[in-house]
Amino acid sequence: MENRVSATPVALVLIDQLTIEYGPIMFHQSGGCCDGSSPMCYRRGDLLVGDGDVLLGHIGGAPVYIGALQFEAWKHTELIIDVVPGRGGMFSLDNGREVRFLTRSRLCRATPLLPNSTQTSQG
């Protein structure tokens, strides 16, 4: 499967810090009303990934998932995980650090992924 997500250098540094502090981590971009463009960062296994969640790829060794409805809206884009000043989501591991993850996007030319059993994965 083609990787449909990347991370900026500063995001990779924060991913490394969080991995040292918490162990293996994962990201989920749900697109819910409170998440907006902030991916949520969890200890790997703390969030149950559903059958409709799509694995976009890995950044800094961490899997990145997106909810099926949000995937449908963003399937023609590459997601770029960045870090900006601010506070992370209440349950996200970046909370309380005065910086937070932010999802940016750009159009990609690749064939869109289809949410099916070969392209989704359980965390």
PDB file of N, CA and C in Angstrom:
ATOM      1  N   MET A   1       0.833  -1.183   0.000  1.00  0.00           N
ATOM      2  CA  MET A   1       0.000   0.000   0.000  1.00  0.00           C
ATOM      3  C   MET A   1       0.881   1.250   0.000  1.00  0.00           C
ATOM      4  N   GLU A   2       0.486   2.216  -0.756  1.00  0.00           N
ATOM      5  CA  GLU A   2       1.198   3.489  -0.812  1.00  0.00           C
ATOM      6  C   GLU A   2       0.964   4.282   0.473  1.00  0.00           C
ATOM      7  N   ASN A   3       2.011   4.900   1.012  1.00  0.00           N
ATOM      8  CA  ASN A   3       1.888   5.736   2.195  1.00  0.00           C
ATOM      9  C   ASN A   3       1.196   7.031   1.813  1.00  0.00           C
ATOM     10  N   ARG A   4       0.094   7.360   2.448  1.00  0.00           N
ATOM     11  CA  ARG A   4      -0.678   8.556   2.130  1.00  0.00           C
ATOM     12  C   ARG A   4      -0.561   9.616   3.214  1.00  0.00           C
ATOM     13  N   VAL A   5       0.478   9.511   4.034  1.00  0.00           N
ATOM     14  CA  VAL A   5       0.685  10.467   5.113  1.00  0.00           C
ATOM     15  C   VAL A   5       2.183  10.694   5.256  1.00  0.00           C
ATOM     16  N   SER A   6       2.552  11.928   5.610  1.00  0.00           N
ATOM     17  CA  SER A   6       3.950  12.255   5.879  1.00  0.00           C
ATOM     18  C   SER A   6       3.986  13.171   7.097  1.00  0.00           C
ATOM     19  N   ALA A   7       5.177  13.453   7.561  1.00  0.00           N
ATOM     20  CA  ALA A   7       5.344  14.312   8.737  1.00  0.00           C
ATOM     21  C   ALA A   7       6.470  15.288   8.486  1.00  0.00           C
ATOM     22  N   THR A   8       6.323  16.479   9.044  1.00  0.00           N
ATOM     23  CA  THR A   8       7.381  17.477   8.967  1.00  0.00           C
ATOM     24  C   THR A   8       8.494  17.071   9.935  1.00  0.00           C
ATOM     25  N   PRO A   9       9.695  17.623   9.750  1.00  0.00           N
ATOM     26  CA  PRO A   9      10.791  17.299  10.689  1.00  0.00           C
ATOM     27  C   PRO A   9      10.442  17.601  12.144  1.00  0.00           C
ATOM     28  N   VAL A  10       9.763  18.703  12.398  1.00  0.00           N
ATOM     29  CA  VAL A  10       9.420  19.044  13.785  1.00  0.00           C
ATOM     30  C   VAL A  10       8.393  18.055  14.340  1.00  0.00           C
ATOM     31  N   ALA A  11       7.506  17.557  13.508  1.00  0.00           N
ATOM     32  CA  ALA A  11       6.551  16.539  13.957  1.00  0.00           C
ATOM     33  C   ALA A  11       7.277  15.246  14.298  1.00  0.00           C
ATOM     34  N   LEU A  12       8.271  14.886  13.497  1.00  0.00           N
ATOM     35  CA  LEU A  12       9.035  13.670  13.779  1.00  0.00           C
ATOM     36  C   LEU A  12       9.777  13.764  15.106  1.00  0.00           C
ATOM     37  N   VAL A  13      10.260  14.954  15.455  1.00  0.00           N
ATOM     38  CA  VAL A  13      10.925  15.150  16.749  1.00  0.00           C
ATOM     39  C   VAL A  13       9.930  14.919  17.884  1.00  0.00           C
ATOM     40  N   LEU A  14       8.726  15.489  17.771  1.00  0.00           N
ATOM     41  CA  LEU A  14       7.720  15.307  18.820  1.00  0.00           C
ATOM     42  C   LEU A  14       7.279  13.846  18.891  1.00  0.00           C
ATOM     43  N   ILE A  15       7.151  13.182  17.764  1.00  0.00           N
ATOM     44  CA  ILE A  15       6.807  11.758  17.757  1.00  0.00           C
ATOM     45  C   ILE A  15       7.872  10.960  18.502  1.00  0.00           C
ATOM     46  N   ASP A  16       9.144  11.268  18.249  1.00  0.00           N
ATOM     47  CA  ASP A  16      10.235  10.592  18.964  1.00  0.00           C
ATOM     48  C   ASP A  16      10.132  10.829  20.468  1.00  0.00           C
ATOM     49  N   GLN A  17       9.873  12.074  20.884  1.00  0.00           N
ATOM     50  CA  GLN A  17       9.754  12.395  22.305  1.00  0.00           C
ATOM     51  C   GLN A  17       8.607  11.625  22.951  1.00  0.00           C
ATOM     52  N   LEU A  18       7.458  11.603  22.273  1.00  0.00           N
ATOM     53  CA  LEU A  18       6.288  10.911  22.820  1.00  0.00           C
ATOM     54  C   LEU A  18       6.522   9.400  22.885  1.00  0.00           C
ATOM     55  N   THR A  19       7.216   8.857  21.893  1.00  0.00           N
ATOM     56  CA  THR A  19       7.509   7.423  21.887  1.00  0.00           C
ATOM     57  C   THR A  19       8.452   7.061  23.030  1.00  0.00           C
ATOM     58  N   ILE A  20       9.435   7.905  23.297  1.00  0.00           N
ATOM     59  CA  ILE A  20      10.338   7.670  24.433  1.00  0.00           C
ATOM     60  C   ILE A  20       9.556   7.714  25.741  1.00  0.00           C
ATOM     61  N   GLU A  21       8.649   8.668  25.859  1.00  0.00           N
ATOM     62  CA  GLU A  21       7.891   8.847  27.099  1.00  0.00           C
ATOM     63  C   GLU A  21       6.802   7.798  27.296  1.00  0.00           C
ATOM     64  N   TYR A  22       6.083   7.429  26.232  1.00  0.00           N
ATOM     65  CA  TYR A  22       4.894   6.578  26.365  1.00  0.00           C
ATOM     66  C   TYR A  22       5.024   5.192  25.740  1.00  0.00           C
ATOM     67  N   GLY A  23       6.071   4.946  24.974  1.00  0.00           N
ATOM     68  CA  GLY A  23       6.143   3.694  24.231  1.00  0.00           C
ATOM     69  C   GLY A  23       5.499   3.890  22.864  1.00  0.00           C
ATOM     70  N   PRO A  24       5.202   2.790  22.152  1.00  0.00           N
ATOM     71  CA  PRO A  24       4.638   2.913  20.803  1.00  0.00           C
ATOM     72  C   PRO A  24       3.349   3.731  20.795  1.00  0.00           C
ATOM     73  N   ILE A  25       3.238   4.602  19.797  1.00  0.00           N
ATOM     74  CA  ILE A  25       2.069   5.476  19.690  1.00  0.00           C
ATOM     75  C   ILE A  25       1.381   5.264  18.346  1.00  0.00           C
ATOM     76  N   MET A  26       0.199   5.861  18.215  1.00  0.00           N
ATOM     77  CA  MET A  26      -0.573   5.816  16.985  1.00  0.00           C
ATOM     78  C   MET A  26      -1.336   7.130  16.836  1.00  0.00           C
ATOM     79  N   PHE A  27      -1.792   7.407  15.631  1.00  0.00           N
ATOM     80  CA  PHE A  27      -2.592   8.603  15.365  1.00  0.00           C
ATOM     81  C   PHE A  27      -3.931   8.198  14.769  1.00  0.00           C
ATOM     82  N   HIS A  28      -4.942   9.039  15.051  1.00  0.00           N
ATOM     83  CA  HIS A  28      -6.251   8.855  14.426  1.00  0.00           C
ATOM     84  C   HIS A  28      -6.806  10.228  14.066  1.00  0.00           C
ATOM     85  N   GLN A  29      -7.223  10.365  12.823  1.00  0.00           N
ATOM     86  CA  GLN A  29      -7.847  11.594  12.322  1.00  0.00           C
ATOM     87  C   GLN A  29      -9.321  11.280  12.099  1.00  0.00           C
ATOM     88  N   SER A  30     -10.167  11.712  13.031  1.00  0.00           N
ATOM     89  CA  SER A  30     -11.575  11.324  12.933  1.00  0.00           C
ATOM     90  C   SER A  30     -12.428  12.356  12.236  1.00  0.00           C
ATOM     91  N   GLY A  31     -12.056  13.621  12.313  1.00  0.00           N
ATOM     92  CA  GLY A  31     -12.873  14.663  11.702  1.00  0.00           C
ATOM     93  C   GLY A  31     -14.097  15.029  12.511  1.00  0.00           C
ATOM     94  N   GLY A  32     -14.138  14.631  13.770  1.00  0.00           N
ATOM     95  CA  GLY A  32     -15.268  14.971  14.621  1.00  0.00           C
ATOM     96  C   GLY A  32     -15.313  16.459  14.918  1.00  0.00           C
ATOM     97  N   CYS A  33     -16.378  16.898  15.536  1.00  0.00           N
ATOM     98  CA  CYS A  33     -16.593  18.332  15.768  1.00  0.00           C
ATOM     99  C   CYS A  33     -15.492  18.946  16.624  1.00  0.00           C
ATOM    100  N   CYS A  34     -14.928  18.200  17.530  1.00  0.00           N
ATOM    101  CA  CYS A  34     -13.915  18.751  18.429  1.00  0.00           C
ATOM    102  C   CYS A  34     -12.498  18.559  17.905  1.00  0.00           C
ATOM    103  N   ASP A  35     -12.312  17.606  16.997  1.00  0.00           N
ATOM    104  CA  ASP A  35     -10.968  17.315  16.497  1.00  0.00           C
ATOM    105  C   ASP A  35     -10.503  18.335  15.482  1.00  0.00           C
ATOM    106  N   GLY A  36     -11.387  18.755  14.589  1.00  0.00           N
ATOM    107  CA  GLY A  36     -10.999  19.682  13.538  1.00  0.00           C
ATOM    108  C   GLY A  36      -9.853  19.114  12.734  1.00  0.00           C
ATOM    109  N   SER A  37      -8.796  19.887  12.592  1.00  0.00           N
ATOM    110  CA  SER A  37      -7.653  19.431  11.808  1.00  0.00           C
ATOM    111  C   SER A  37      -6.535  18.894  12.693  1.00  0.00           C
ATOM    112  N   SER A  38      -6.858  18.549  13.921  1.00  0.00           N
ATOM    113  CA  SER A  38      -5.853  18.007  14.839  1.00  0.00           C
ATOM    114  C   SER A  38      -5.975  16.497  14.922  1.00  0.00           C
ATOM    115  N   PRO A  39      -4.939  15.785  14.512  1.00  0.00           N
ATOM    116  CA  PRO A  39      -4.989  14.337  14.699  1.00  0.00           C
ATOM    117  C   PRO A  39      -4.800  14.024  16.180  1.00  0.00           C
ATOM    118  N   MET A  40      -5.472  13.008  16.637  1.00  0.00           N
ATOM    119  CA  MET A  40      -5.321  12.594  18.024  1.00  0.00           C
ATOM    120  C   MET A  40      -4.197  11.574  18.100  1.00  0.00           C
ATOM    121  N   CYS A  41      -3.361  11.711  19.112  1.00  0.00           N
ATOM    122  CA  CYS A  41      -2.217  10.824  19.313  1.00  0.00           C
ATOM    123  C   CYS A  41      -2.464  10.012  20.588  1.00  0.00           C
ATOM    124  N   TYR A  42      -2.379   8.683  20.477  1.00  0.00           N
ATOM    125  CA  TYR A  42      -2.644   7.790  21.598  1.00  0.00           C
ATOM    126  C   TYR A  42      -1.504   6.797  21.749  1.00  0.00           C
ATOM    127  N   ARG A  43      -1.421   6.192  22.947  1.00  0.00           N
ATOM    128  CA  ARG A  43      -0.572   5.008  23.080  1.00  0.00           C
ATOM    129  C   ARG A  43      -1.167   3.960  22.159  1.00  0.00           C
ATOM    130  N   ARG A  44      -0.303   3.243  21.466  1.00  0.00           N
ATOM    131  CA  ARG A  44      -0.802   2.212  20.561  1.00  0.00           C
ATOM    132  C   ARG A  44      -1.619   1.201  21.352  1.00  0.00           C
ATOM    133  N   GLY A  45      -2.834   0.980  20.899  1.00  0.00           N
ATOM    134  CA  GLY A  45      -3.734   0.050  21.567  1.00  0.00           C
ATOM    135  C   GLY A  45      -4.732   0.719  22.488  1.00  0.00           C
ATOM    136  N   ASP A  46      -4.525   1.999  22.850  1.00  0.00           N
ATOM    137  CA  ASP A  46      -5.480   2.691  23.719  1.00  0.00           C
ATOM    138  C   ASP A  46      -6.757   3.076  22.981  1.00  0.00           C
ATOM    139  N   LEU A  47      -6.715   3.161  21.680  1.00  0.00           N
ATOM    140  CA  LEU A  47      -7.896   3.441  20.866  1.00  0.00           C
ATOM    141  C   LEU A  47      -8.149   2.218  20.005  1.00  0.00           C
ATOM    142  N   LEU A  48      -9.357   1.689  20.088  1.00  0.00           N
ATOM    143  CA  LEU A  48      -9.704   0.549  19.249  1.00  0.00           C
ATOM    144  C   LEU A  48     -10.020   1.049  17.852  1.00  0.00           C
ATOM    145  N   VAL A  49      -9.301   0.530  16.889  1.00  0.00           N
ATOM    146  CA  VAL A  49      -9.507   0.913  15.500  1.00  0.00           C
ATOM    147  C   VAL A  49     -10.651   0.066  14.955  1.00  0.00           C
ATOM    148  N   GLY A  50     -11.619   0.731  14.317  1.00  0.00           N
ATOM    149  CA  GLY A  50     -12.782   0.027  13.800  1.00  0.00           C
ATOM    150  C   GLY A  50     -12.578  -0.496  12.391  1.00  0.00           C
ATOM    151  N   ASP A  51     -13.479  -1.350  11.961  1.00  0.00           N
ATOM    152  CA  ASP A  51     -13.413  -1.918  10.620  1.00  0.00           C
ATOM    153  C   ASP A  51     -13.482  -0.855   9.534  1.00  0.00           C
ATOM    154  N   GLY A  52     -14.131   0.270   9.814  1.00  0.00           N
ATOM    155  CA  GLY A  52     -14.261   1.342   8.829  1.00  0.00           C
ATOM    156  C   GLY A  52     -13.107   2.329   8.831  1.00  0.00           C
ATOM    157  N   ASP A  53     -12.176   2.171   9.761  1.00  0.00           N
ATOM    158  CA  ASP A  53     -11.022   3.060   9.787  1.00  0.00           C
ATOM    159  C   ASP A  53     -10.010   2.616   8.738  1.00  0.00           C
ATOM    160  N   VAL A  54      -9.367   3.593   8.119  1.00  0.00           N
ATOM    161  CA  VAL A  54      -8.434   3.333   7.034  1.00  0.00           C
ATOM    162  C   VAL A  54      -7.017   3.657   7.503  1.00  0.00           C
ATOM    163  N   LEU A  55      -6.104   2.713   7.316  1.00  0.00           N
ATOM    164  CA  LEU A  55      -4.697   2.943   7.625  1.00  0.00           C
ATOM    165  C   LEU A  55      -4.081   3.714   6.469  1.00  0.00           C
ATOM    166  N   LEU A  56      -3.636   4.952   6.743  1.00  0.00           N
ATOM    167  CA  LEU A  56      -3.035   5.792   5.701  1.00  0.00           C
ATOM    168  C   LEU A  56      -1.556   5.516   5.511  1.00  0.00           C
ATOM    169  N   GLY A  57      -0.900   5.015   6.531  1.00  0.00           N
ATOM    170  CA  GLY A  57       0.529   4.770   6.472  1.00  0.00           C
ATOM    171  C   GLY A  57       1.135   4.950   7.845  1.00  0.00           C
ATOM    172  N   HIS A  58       2.438   5.178   7.878  1.00  0.00           N
ATOM    173  CA  HIS A  58       3.180   5.337   9.129  1.00  0.00           C
ATOM    174  C   HIS A  58       4.061   6.572   9.061  1.00  0.00           C
ATOM    175  N   ILE A  59       4.202   7.246  10.197  1.00  0.00           N
ATOM    176  CA  ILE A  59       5.137   8.361  10.325  1.00  0.00           C
ATOM    177  C   ILE A  59       5.948   8.130  11.593  1.00  0.00           C
ATOM    178  N   GLY A  60       7.252   8.200  11.494  1.00  0.00           N
ATOM    179  CA  GLY A  60       8.093   7.961  12.663  1.00  0.00           C
ATOM    180  C   GLY A  60       7.807   6.634  13.328  1.00  0.00           C
ATOM    181  N   GLY A  61       7.383   5.649  12.557  1.00  0.00           N
ATOM    182  CA  GLY A  61       7.055   4.334  13.096  1.00  0.00           C
ATOM    183  C   GLY A  61       5.644   4.210  13.647  1.00  0.00           C
ATOM    184  N   ALA A  62       4.884   5.301  13.671  1.00  0.00           N
ATOM    185  CA  ALA A  62       3.535   5.285  14.235  1.00  0.00           C
ATOM    186  C   ALA A  62       2.490   5.151  13.127  1.00  0.00           C
ATOM    187  N   PRO A  63       1.551   4.208  13.263  1.00  0.00           N
ATOM    188  CA  PRO A  63       0.489   4.106  12.266  1.00  0.00           C
ATOM    189  C   PRO A  63      -0.454   5.305  12.359  1.00  0.00           C
ATOM    190  N   VAL A  64      -0.984   5.703  11.205  1.00  0.00           N
ATOM    191  CA  VAL A  64      -1.923   6.827  11.131  1.00  0.00           C
ATOM    192  C   VAL A  64      -3.202   6.319  10.470  1.00  0.00           C
ATOM    193  N   TYR A  65      -4.308   6.429  11.202  1.00  0.00           N
ATOM    194  CA  TYR A  65      -5.611   5.991  10.724  1.00  0.00           C
ATOM    195  C   TYR A  65      -6.503   7.200  10.515  1.00  0.00           C
ATOM    196  N   ILE A  66      -7.516   7.010   9.689  1.00  0.00           N
ATOM    197  CA  ILE A  66      -8.521   8.043   9.476  1.00  0.00           C
ATOM    198  C   ILE A  66      -9.888   7.363   9.445  1.00  0.00           C
ATOM    199  N   GLY A  67     -10.883   8.027  10.022  1.00  0.00           N
ATOM    200  CA  GLY A  67     -12.236   7.501   9.986  1.00  0.00           C
ATOM    201  C   GLY A  67     -12.746   7.420   8.553  1.00  0.00           C
ATOM    202  N   ALA A  68     -13.586   6.444   8.278  1.00  0.00           N
ATOM    203  CA  ALA A  68     -14.061   6.192   6.912  1.00  0.00           C
ATOM    204  C   ALA A  68     -14.767   7.399   6.304  1.00  0.00           C
ATOM    205  N   LEU A  69     -15.581   8.096   7.066  1.00  0.00           N
ATOM    206  CA  LEU A  69     -16.279   9.271   6.517  1.00  0.00           C
ATOM    207  C   LEU A  69     -15.306  10.384   6.184  1.00  0.00           C
ATOM    208  N   GLN A  70     -14.330  10.606   7.051  1.00  0.00           N
ATOM    209  CA  GLN A  70     -13.330  11.625   6.789  1.00  0.00           C
ATOM    210  C   GLN A  70     -12.449  11.216   5.606  1.00  0.00           C
ATOM    211  N   PHE A  71     -12.144   9.922   5.514  1.00  0.00           N
ATOM    212  CA  PHE A  71     -11.358   9.425   4.382  1.00  0.00           C
ATOM    213  C   PHE A  71     -12.063   9.736   3.072  1.00  0.00           C
ATOM    214  N   GLU A  72     -13.360   9.559   3.059  1.00  0.00           N
ATOM    215  CA  GLU A  72     -14.120   9.812   1.835  1.00  0.00           C
ATOM    216  C   GLU A  72     -13.942  11.254   1.375  1.00  0.00           C
ATOM    217  N   ALA A  73     -13.879  12.195   2.310  1.00  0.00           N
ATOM    218  CA  ALA A  73     -13.690  13.608   1.963  1.00  0.00           C
ATOM    219  C   ALA A  73     -12.249  13.910   1.558  1.00  0.00           C
ATOM    220  N   TRP A  74     -11.285  13.184   2.111  1.00  0.00           N
ATOM    221  CA  TRP A  74      -9.864  13.501   1.909  1.00  0.00           C
ATOM    222  C   TRP A  74      -9.137  12.478   1.044  1.00  0.00           C
ATOM    223  N   LYS A  75      -9.844  11.587   0.371  1.00  0.00           N
ATOM    224  CA  LYS A  75      -9.183  10.485  -0.335  1.00  0.00           C
ATOM    225  C   LYS A  75      -8.285  10.931  -1.483  1.00  0.00           C
ATOM    226  N   HIS A  76      -8.413  12.144  -1.938  1.00  0.00           N
ATOM    227  CA  HIS A  76      -7.563  12.641  -3.027  1.00  0.00           C
ATOM    228  C   HIS A  76      -6.397  13.484  -2.505  1.00  0.00           C
ATOM    229  N   THR A  77      -6.115  13.384  -1.215  1.00  0.00           N
ATOM    230  CA  THR A  77      -5.063  14.204  -0.625  1.00  0.00           C
ATOM    231  C   THR A  77      -4.022  13.343   0.084  1.00  0.00           C
ATOM    232  N   GLU A  78      -2.858  13.925   0.236  1.00  0.00           N
ATOM    233  CA  GLU A  78      -1.839  13.378   1.127  1.00  0.00           C
ATOM    234  C   GLU A  78      -1.924  14.207   2.399  1.00  0.00           C
ATOM    235  N   LEU A  79      -1.988  13.554   3.548  1.00  0.00           N
ATOM    236  CA  LEU A  79      -2.025  14.273   4.814  1.00  0.00           C
ATOM    237  C   LEU A  79      -0.603  14.483   5.306  1.00  0.00           C
ATOM    238  N   ILE A  80      -0.354  15.669   5.813  1.00  0.00           N
ATOM    239  CA  ILE A  80       0.959  16.041   6.331  1.00  0.00           C
ATOM    240  C   ILE A  80       0.784  16.416   7.795  1.00  0.00           C
ATOM    241  N   ILE A  81       1.401  15.662   8.671  1.00  0.00           N
ATOM    242  CA  ILE A  81       1.295  15.945  10.103  1.00  0.00           C
ATOM    243  C   ILE A  81       2.407  16.924  10.464  1.00  0.00           C
ATOM    244  N   ASP A  82       1.994  18.036  11.072  1.00  0.00           N
ATOM    245  CA  ASP A  82       2.901  19.120  11.442  1.00  0.00           C
ATOM    246  C   ASP A  82       2.712  19.406  12.924  1.00  0.00           C
ATOM    247  N   VAL A  83       3.492  20.318  13.457  1.00  0.00           N
ATOM    248  CA  VAL A  83       3.375  20.770  14.844  1.00  0.00           C
ATOM    249  C   VAL A  83       3.295  22.283  14.836  1.00  0.00           C
ATOM    250  N   VAL A  84       2.346  22.822  15.622  1.00  0.00           N
ATOM    251  CA  VAL A  84       2.150  24.263  15.738  1.00  0.00           C
ATOM    252  C   VAL A  84       1.982  24.611  17.218  1.00  0.00           C
ATOM    253  N   PRO A  85       2.147  25.882  17.587  1.00  0.00           N
ATOM    254  CA  PRO A  85       1.893  26.276  18.970  1.00  0.00           C
ATOM    255  C   PRO A  85       0.424  26.053  19.329  1.00  0.00           C
ATOM    256  N   GLY A  86       0.188  25.701  20.565  1.00  0.00           N
ATOM    257  CA  GLY A  86      -1.179  25.501  21.038  1.00  0.00           C
ATOM    258  C   GLY A  86      -1.258  24.298  21.953  1.00  0.00           C
ATOM    259  N   ARG A  87      -2.490  23.936  22.291  1.00  0.00           N
ATOM    260  CA  ARG A  87      -2.723  22.792  23.174  1.00  0.00           C
ATOM    261  C   ARG A  87      -3.348  21.660  22.382  1.00  0.00           C
ATOM    262  N   GLY A  88      -2.874  20.451  22.655  1.00  0.00           N
ATOM    263  CA  GLY A  88      -3.414  19.271  21.995  1.00  0.00           C
ATOM    264  C   GLY A  88      -4.799  18.937  22.501  1.00  0.00           C
ATOM    265  N   GLY A  89      -5.437  17.991  21.839  1.00  0.00           N
ATOM    266  CA  GLY A  89      -6.756  17.530  22.263  1.00  0.00           C
ATOM    267  C   GLY A  89      -6.709  16.964  23.667  1.00  0.00           C
ATOM    268  N   MET A  90      -7.835  16.998  24.350  1.00  0.00           N
ATOM    269  CA  MET A  90      -7.895  16.607  25.756  1.00  0.00           C
ATOM    270  C   MET A  90      -7.300  15.223  26.014  1.00  0.00           C
ATOM    271  N   PHE A  91      -7.530  14.264  25.130  1.00  0.00           N
ATOM    272  CA  PHE A  91      -7.050  12.906  25.349  1.00  0.00           C
ATOM    273  C   PHE A  91      -5.820  12.580  24.504  1.00  0.00           C
ATOM    274  N   SER A  92      -5.318  13.548  23.756  1.00  0.00           N
ATOM    275  CA  SER A  92      -4.167  13.326  22.891  1.00  0.00           C
ATOM    276  C   SER A  92      -2.874  13.487  23.686  1.00  0.00           C
ATOM    277  N   LEU A  93      -1.887  12.666  23.378  1.00  0.00           N
ATOM    278  CA  LEU A  93      -0.629  12.687  24.129  1.00  0.00           C
ATOM    279  C   LEU A  93       0.164  13.987  23.966  1.00  0.00           C
ATOM    280  N   ASP A  94      -0.164  14.784  22.953  1.00  0.00           N
ATOM    281  CA  ASP A  94       0.544  16.061  22.793  1.00  0.00           C
ATOM    282  C   ASP A  94      -0.019  17.157  23.690  1.00  0.00           C
ATOM    283  N   ASN A  95      -1.082  16.895  24.410  1.00  0.00           N
ATOM    284  CA  ASN A  95      -1.707  17.877  25.291  1.00  0.00           C
ATOM    285  C   ASN A  95      -0.759  18.258  26.435  1.00  0.00           C
ATOM    286  N   GLY A  96      -0.764  19.545  26.792  1.00  0.00           N
ATOM    287  CA  GLY A  96       0.032  20.027  27.919  1.00  0.00           C
ATOM    288  C   GLY A  96       1.470  20.371  27.588  1.00  0.00           C
ATOM    289  N   ARG A  97       1.810  20.438  26.319  1.00  0.00           N
ATOM    290  CA  ARG A  97       3.189  20.714  25.901  1.00  0.00           C
ATOM    291  C   ARG A  97       3.346  22.082  25.244  1.00  0.00           C
ATOM    292  N   GLU A  98       2.253  22.811  25.122  1.00  0.00           N
ATOM    293  CA  GLU A  98       2.240  24.126  24.463  1.00  0.00           C
ATOM    294  C   GLU A  98       2.508  24.041  22.963  1.00  0.00           C
ATOM    295  N   VAL A  99       2.511  22.830  22.423  1.00  0.00           N
ATOM    296  CA  VAL A  99       2.520  22.587  20.982  1.00  0.00           C
ATOM    297  C   VAL A  99       1.526  21.467  20.722  1.00  0.00           C
ATOM    298  N   ARG A 100       1.041  21.407  19.495  1.00  0.00           N
ATOM    299  CA  ARG A 100       0.089  20.355  19.154  1.00  0.00           C
ATOM    300  C   ARG A 100       0.309  19.924  17.714  1.00  0.00           C
ATOM    301  N   PHE A 101      -0.148  18.714  17.427  1.00  0.00           N
ATOM    302  CA  PHE A 101      -0.114  18.232  16.056  1.00  0.00           C
ATOM    303  C   PHE A 101      -1.216  18.917  15.255  1.00  0.00           C
ATOM    304  N   LEU A 102      -0.958  19.129  13.984  1.00  0.00           N
ATOM    305  CA  LEU A 102      -1.925  19.729  13.065  1.00  0.00           C
ATOM    306  C   LEU A 102      -1.836  18.976  11.749  1.00  0.00           C
ATOM    307  N   THR A 103      -2.977  18.687  11.152  1.00  0.00           N
ATOM    308  CA  THR A 103      -2.994  18.021   9.857  1.00  0.00           C
ATOM    309  C   THR A 103      -3.140  19.043   8.757  1.00  0.00           C
ATOM    310  N   ARG A 104      -2.219  19.001   7.828  1.00  0.00           N
ATOM    311  CA  ARG A 104      -2.295  19.792   6.606  1.00  0.00           C
ATOM    312  C   ARG A 104      -2.529  18.809   5.475  1.00  0.00           C
ATOM    313  N   SER A 105      -2.890  19.300   4.315  1.00  0.00           N
ATOM    314  CA  SER A 105      -3.105  18.371   3.199  1.00  0.00           C
ATOM    315  C   SER A 105      -2.702  19.017   1.889  1.00  0.00           C
ATOM    316  N   ARG A 106      -2.428  18.147   0.915  1.00  0.00           N
ATOM    317  CA  ARG A 106      -2.187  18.604  -0.448  1.00  0.00           C
ATOM    318  C   ARG A 106      -2.749  17.545  -1.385  1.00  0.00           C
ATOM    319  N   LEU A 107      -3.178  17.996  -2.528  1.00  0.00           N
ATOM    320  CA  LEU A 107      -3.715  17.061  -3.506  1.00  0.00           C
ATOM    321  C   LEU A 107      -2.629  16.102  -3.954  1.00  0.00           C
ATOM    322  N   CYS A 108      -2.992  14.867  -4.156  1.00  0.00           N
ATOM    323  CA  CYS A 108      -2.025  13.898  -4.670  1.00  0.00           C
ATOM    324  C   CYS A 108      -2.548  13.321  -5.970  1.00  0.00           C
ATOM    325  N   ARG A 109      -1.636  12.799  -6.754  1.00  0.00           N
ATOM    326  CA  ARG A 109      -1.987  12.254  -8.056  1.00  0.00           C
ATOM    327  C   ARG A 109      -2.247  10.762  -8.005  1.00  0.00           C
ATOM    328  N   ALA A 110      -2.022  10.174  -6.853  1.00  0.00           N
ATOM    329  CA  ALA A 110      -2.163   8.724  -6.737  1.00  0.00           C
ATOM    330  C   ALA A 110      -3.625   8.316  -6.840  1.00  0.00           C
ATOM    331  N   THR A 111      -3.841   7.078  -7.222  1.00  0.00           N
ATOM    332  CA  THR A 111      -5.179   6.519  -7.230  1.00  0.00           C
ATOM    333  C   THR A 111      -5.667   6.449  -5.796  1.00  0.00           C
ATOM    334  N   PRO A 112      -6.903   6.913  -5.534  1.00  0.00           N
ATOM    335  CA  PRO A 112      -7.398   6.899  -4.157  1.00  0.00           C
ATOM    336  C   PRO A 112      -7.463   5.486  -3.590  1.00  0.00           C
ATOM    337  N   LEU A 113      -7.177   5.360  -2.297  1.00  0.00           N
ATOM    338  CA  LEU A 113      -7.331   4.089  -1.610  1.00  0.00           C
ATOM    339  C   LEU A 113      -8.808   3.777  -1.477  1.00  0.00           C
ATOM    340  N   LEU A 114      -9.141   2.528  -1.456  1.00  0.00           N
ATOM    341  CA  LEU A 114     -10.513   2.107  -1.210  1.00  0.00           C
ATOM    342  C   LEU A 114     -10.562   1.456   0.160  1.00  0.00           C
ATOM    343  N   PRO A 115     -11.522   1.862   1.003  1.00  0.00           N
ATOM    344  CA  PRO A 115     -11.585   1.252   2.336  1.00  0.00           C
ATOM    345  C   PRO A 115     -12.102  -0.178   2.219  1.00  0.00           C
ATOM    346  N   ASN A 116     -11.201  -1.152   2.209  1.00  0.00           N
ATOM    347  CA  ASN A 116     -11.577  -2.558   2.178  1.00  0.00           C
ATOM    348  C   ASN A 116     -10.634  -3.345   3.055  1.00  0.00           C
ATOM    349  N   SER A 117     -10.844  -4.627   3.106  1.00  0.00           N
ATOM    350  CA  SER A 117     -10.100  -5.453   4.064  1.00  0.00           C
ATOM    351  C   SER A 117      -8.598  -5.460   3.800  1.00  0.00           C
ATOM    352  N   THR A 118      -8.141  -5.206   2.577  1.00  0.00           N
ATOM    353  CA  THR A 118      -6.700  -5.233   2.324  1.00  0.00           C
ATOM    354  C   THR A 118      -6.041  -3.918   2.636  1.00  0.00           C
ATOM    355  N   GLN A 119      -6.824  -2.870   2.845  1.00  0.00           N
ATOM    356  CA  GLN A 119      -6.228  -1.565   3.089  1.00  0.00           C
ATOM    357  C   GLN A 119      -6.633  -0.990   4.436  1.00  0.00           C
ATOM    358  N   THR A 120      -7.337  -1.722   5.229  1.00  0.00           N
ATOM    359  CA  THR A 120      -7.631  -1.306   6.596  1.00  0.00           C
ATOM    360  C   THR A 120      -6.901  -2.252   7.515  1.00  0.00           C
ATOM    361  N   SER A 121      -6.704  -1.817   8.740  1.00  0.00           N
ATOM    362  CA  SER A 121      -5.939  -2.647   9.659  1.00  0.00           C
ATOM    363  C   SER A 121      -6.379  -2.380  11.075  1.00  0.00           C
ATOM    364  N   GLN A 122      -6.321  -3.372  11.878  1.00  0.00           N
ATOM    365  CA  GLN A 122      -6.588  -3.225  13.316  1.00  0.00           C
ATOM    366  C   GLN A 122      -5.310  -2.810  14.000  1.00  0.00           C
ATOM    367  N   GLY A 123      -5.358  -1.905  14.988  1.00  0.00           N
ATOM    368  CA  GLY A 123      -4.167  -1.440  15.684  1.00  0.00           C
ATOM    369  C   GLY A 123      -3.749  -2.407  16.650  1.00  0.00           C
TER     370      GLY A 123
END
